[in-house]
């Protein structure tokens, strides 16, 4: 069954998407907007409770990789190229779960989502004033990837530290991050035509400023 994009766009009219590169401030901004404008908050991997249960290896092999993993050390020591392929494979497989969940949540209330839906799909199912792209220089995306308190990042960091030769494992993982946040990927976001904000490494706290800029872009401000 295929649902036409104009139908999906109609049912997603109450959904606002934030996408972009790592460490650009997406999670923080989504939470701030949800709190400030009384929106339903869909943080990173908000769909996973459903997708982890419903996904099947024949239809969603990349999502199912995590369901069946028994050795997390193997996860962090995979070749960087395979890690990159898997990350974007999960994003594309998860897009159907995201869209389904967002349609369900947004019927009577505005929703703000930290999304990994590929940019080409967002162009088809949403509008300019419902999508914001947040970008971060590659050096920040890599060097500060673990400078966050969320459990997932802490878990991965602890797995890396538990490996034999953790320095080499960390270097391999950093190379994976470099591919995921490569200049090519950055340019795909920057050239998407969507409203874009770039995080600057100047030490200033710009959370409120960024939140207000995106709120204005989304038309949330009265």
Protein backbone atom coordinates (compact mmCIF):
# COMPACT_ATOMS: atom_id res chain seq x y z
CA UNK A 1 0.00 0.00 0.00
CA UNK A 2 1.35 3.41 -0.96
CA UNK A 3 -0.13 6.65 0.36
CA UNK A 4 0.23 9.70 -1.88
CA UNK A 5 2.39 12.53 -0.55
CA UNK A 6 -0.41 15.10 -0.70
CA UNK A 7 -2.45 12.93 1.68
CA UNK A 8 0.49 12.52 4.06
CA UNK A 9 1.16 16.25 3.98
CA UNK A 10 -2.45 16.94 4.92
CA UNK A 11 -2.38 14.60 7.91
CA UNK A 12 1.00 15.99 9.01
CA UNK A 13 -0.15 19.62 8.95
CA UNK A 14 0.21 19.89 12.75
CA UNK A 15 3.75 18.48 12.76
CA UNK A 16 6.95 20.54 12.84
CA UNK A 17 10.26 18.84 12.08
CA UNK A 18 13.80 19.65 13.19
CA UNK A 19 16.61 17.75 11.48
CA UNK A 20 20.33 18.21 10.87
CA UNK A 21 23.76 17.08 12.04
CA UNK A 22 24.98 15.86 15.42
CA UNK A 23 25.61 18.36 18.25
CA UNK A 24 23.71 21.12 16.46
CA UNK A 25 21.27 21.55 19.36
CA UNK A 26 18.29 19.72 17.89
CA UNK A 27 17.24 17.85 21.04
CA UNK A 28 17.48 20.95 23.22
CA UNK A 29 15.52 23.09 20.78
CA UNK A 30 12.74 20.54 20.32
CA UNK A 31 12.28 20.29 24.10
CA UNK A 32 12.29 24.08 24.52
CA UNK A 33 9.72 24.58 21.77
CA UNK A 34 7.49 21.83 23.15
CA UNK A 35 7.54 23.42 26.60
CA UNK A 36 7.13 27.00 25.40
CA UNK A 37 4.26 26.40 22.99
CA UNK A 38 2.55 23.42 24.65
CA UNK A 39 3.37 21.04 21.81
CA UNK A 40 3.67 17.27 21.94
CA UNK A 41 7.37 16.48 22.38
CA UNK A 42 8.90 13.82 20.12
CA UNK A 43 12.55 13.53 21.08
CA UNK A 44 15.30 11.53 19.43
CA UNK A 45 14.18 8.00 18.48
CA UNK A 46 10.64 8.68 19.73
CA UNK A 47 9.34 5.97 17.41
CA UNK A 48 11.58 3.18 18.73
CA UNK A 49 9.09 1.74 21.24
CA UNK A 50 6.91 0.78 18.26
CA UNK A 51 9.54 0.12 15.60
CA UNK A 52 11.59 -2.16 17.85
CA UNK A 53 8.51 -4.31 18.37
CA UNK A 54 6.93 -4.26 14.93
CA UNK A 55 9.98 -4.29 12.61
CA UNK A 56 10.83 -7.57 10.88
CA UNK A 57 14.20 -8.60 9.40
CA UNK A 58 12.80 -9.04 5.90
CA UNK A 59 11.30 -5.54 5.77
CA UNK A 60 13.44 -3.51 8.21
CA UNK A 61 16.80 -5.33 8.49
CA UNK A 62 18.74 -2.36 9.81
CA UNK A 63 16.26 -1.63 12.62
CA UNK A 64 16.28 -5.32 13.53
CA UNK A 65 20.06 -5.35 13.84
CA UNK A 66 19.77 -3.73 17.27
CA UNK A 67 16.92 -6.01 18.34
CA UNK A 68 19.11 -9.07 17.94
CA UNK A 69 22.48 -7.70 19.02
CA UNK A 70 24.26 -9.71 21.73
CA UNK A 71 27.71 -8.15 21.61
CA UNK A 72 27.83 -4.36 21.91
CA UNK A 73 31.58 -4.45 21.48
CA UNK A 74 31.00 -5.74 17.95
CA UNK A 75 28.62 -2.82 17.43
CA UNK A 76 31.25 -0.17 18.21
CA UNK A 77 34.06 -1.95 16.36
CA UNK A 78 32.30 -2.28 13.01
CA UNK A 79 34.09 -0.71 10.02
CA UNK A 80 33.29 2.99 9.76
CA UNK A 81 31.79 2.57 6.30
CA UNK A 82 29.37 -0.10 7.52
CA UNK A 83 28.39 2.03 10.51
CA UNK A 84 27.64 4.96 8.19
CA UNK A 85 25.57 2.75 5.87
CA UNK A 86 23.64 1.31 8.81
CA UNK A 87 22.86 4.72 10.36
CA UNK A 88 21.26 6.05 7.19
CA UNK A 89 19.59 2.71 6.52
CA UNK A 90 17.88 2.90 9.90
CA UNK A 91 16.78 6.47 9.19
CA UNK A 92 15.11 5.47 5.96
CA UNK A 93 13.45 2.37 7.43
CA UNK A 94 12.28 4.31 10.48
CA UNK A 95 10.69 7.06 8.35
CA UNK A 96 7.52 5.00 7.88
CA UNK A 97 7.24 4.45 11.63
CA UNK A 98 7.86 8.14 12.28
CA UNK A 99 5.20 9.28 9.84
CA UNK A 100 2.67 6.79 11.22
CA UNK A 101 3.36 7.83 14.81
CA UNK A 102 3.20 11.53 13.99
CA UNK A 103 -0.13 11.20 12.21
CA UNK A 104 -1.48 9.42 15.27
CA UNK A 105 -0.18 12.03 17.73
CA UNK A 106 -0.96 15.21 15.82
CA UNK A 107 -4.66 14.88 15.11
CA UNK A 108 -5.73 17.49 17.66
CA UNK A 109 -2.50 19.12 18.80
CA UNK A 110 0.74 20.49 17.36
CA UNK A 111 3.77 18.18 17.50
CA UNK A 112 7.48 19.03 17.40
CA UNK A 113 9.78 16.19 16.30
CA UNK A 114 13.53 15.61 16.39
CA UNK A 115 13.61 13.58 13.20
CA UNK A 116 15.93 11.41 11.12
CA UNK A 117 13.50 11.26 8.20
CA UNK A 118 15.70 11.73 5.09
CA UNK A 119 15.63 15.21 3.64
CA UNK A 120 14.24 14.03 0.29
CA UNK A 121 11.23 12.52 2.05
CA UNK A 122 10.67 15.65 4.14
CA UNK A 123 10.48 17.66 0.92
CA UNK A 124 7.64 15.43 -0.23
CA UNK A 125 5.56 15.23 2.96
CA UNK A 126 6.02 18.64 4.59
CA UNK A 127 6.32 22.36 3.82
CA UNK A 128 9.07 24.95 4.14
CA UNK A 129 7.55 26.55 7.25
CA UNK A 130 7.24 23.18 9.01
CA UNK A 131 10.89 22.11 8.72
CA UNK A 132 14.05 23.55 10.25
CA UNK A 133 17.60 22.32 9.66
CA UNK A 134 20.20 22.71 12.40
CA UNK A 135 23.84 22.27 11.45
CA UNK A 136 27.12 22.04 13.32
CA UNK A 137 30.70 22.12 11.97
CA UNK A 138 32.10 18.61 11.55
CA UNK A 139 34.82 19.17 14.15
CA UNK A 140 32.20 19.96 16.82
CA UNK A 141 30.00 17.03 15.76
CA UNK A 142 32.90 14.65 16.35
CA UNK A 143 34.90 16.20 19.18
CA UNK A 144 31.85 16.91 21.36
CA UNK A 145 29.68 13.94 20.45
CA UNK A 146 30.00 12.46 23.95
CA UNK A 147 29.77 15.82 25.76
CA UNK A 148 26.11 15.14 26.50
CA UNK A 149 24.29 13.49 29.38
CA UNK A 150 21.77 11.37 27.48
CA UNK A 151 21.89 7.66 28.45
CA UNK A 152 22.49 6.40 24.91
CA UNK A 153 25.74 8.37 24.49
CA UNK A 154 26.94 7.34 27.96
CA UNK A 155 26.18 3.69 27.20
CA UNK A 156 28.16 3.73 23.94
CA UNK A 157 31.07 5.53 25.63
CA UNK A 158 31.18 2.91 28.39
CA UNK A 159 31.16 0.09 25.83
CA UNK A 160 34.10 1.69 24.01
CA UNK A 161 36.02 2.04 27.27
CA UNK A 162 35.42 -1.64 28.07
CA UNK A 163 36.93 -2.85 24.79
CA UNK A 164 40.45 -4.16 24.35
CA UNK A 165 42.53 -1.25 23.08
CA UNK A 166 39.81 1.37 23.69
CA UNK A 167 41.91 4.10 22.07
CA UNK A 168 41.81 2.28 18.72
CA UNK A 169 38.09 1.58 19.10
CA UNK A 170 37.43 5.24 19.86
CA UNK A 171 39.42 6.29 16.81
CA UNK A 172 37.37 3.92 14.63
CA UNK A 173 34.14 5.26 16.15
CA UNK A 174 35.27 8.83 15.54
CA UNK A 175 35.92 7.91 11.91
CA UNK A 176 32.35 6.61 11.73
CA UNK A 177 31.11 9.93 13.10
CA UNK A 178 33.23 11.77 10.54
CA UNK A 179 31.53 9.86 7.71
CA UNK A 180 28.04 10.37 9.15
CA UNK A 181 28.72 14.10 9.59
CA UNK A 182 30.81 14.50 6.44
CA UNK A 183 30.95 17.63 4.30
CA UNK A 184 28.82 15.80 1.73
CA UNK A 185 26.07 15.17 4.31
CA UNK A 186 26.41 18.73 5.62
CA UNK A 187 26.00 20.13 2.12
CA UNK A 188 22.90 18.00 1.51
CA UNK A 189 21.26 19.69 4.49
CA UNK A 190 22.63 23.15 3.72
CA UNK A 191 21.48 22.99 0.10
CA UNK A 192 18.07 21.46 0.89
CA UNK A 193 16.22 24.77 0.54
CA UNK A 194 14.85 24.51 4.08
CA UNK A 195 15.32 27.15 6.80
CA UNK A 196 18.78 26.54 8.29
CA UNK A 197 20.66 27.58 11.41
CA UNK A 198 24.37 26.87 11.86
CA UNK A 199 25.79 26.47 15.36
CA UNK A 200 28.91 28.56 15.94
CA UNK A 201 31.75 27.51 18.23
CA UNK A 202 32.01 30.85 20.05
CA UNK A 203 31.23 29.78 23.59
CA UNK A 204 28.00 31.79 23.75
CA UNK A 205 24.72 30.36 25.01
CA UNK A 206 22.39 30.87 22.05
CA UNK A 207 19.64 28.43 23.03
CA UNK A 208 16.97 31.08 23.57
CA UNK A 209 17.93 32.98 20.43
CA UNK A 210 17.82 29.84 18.29
CA UNK A 211 14.53 28.75 19.86
CA UNK A 212 12.96 32.12 19.09
CA UNK A 213 14.25 32.13 15.49
CA UNK A 214 12.81 28.71 14.78
CA UNK A 215 9.54 29.53 16.55
CA UNK A 216 9.19 32.59 14.31
CA UNK A 217 9.99 30.49 11.23
CA UNK A 218 7.33 27.95 12.26
CA UNK A 219 4.80 30.72 12.83
CA UNK A 220 4.31 29.69 16.45
CA UNK A 221 4.68 33.19 17.88
CA UNK A 222 1.50 35.21 18.29
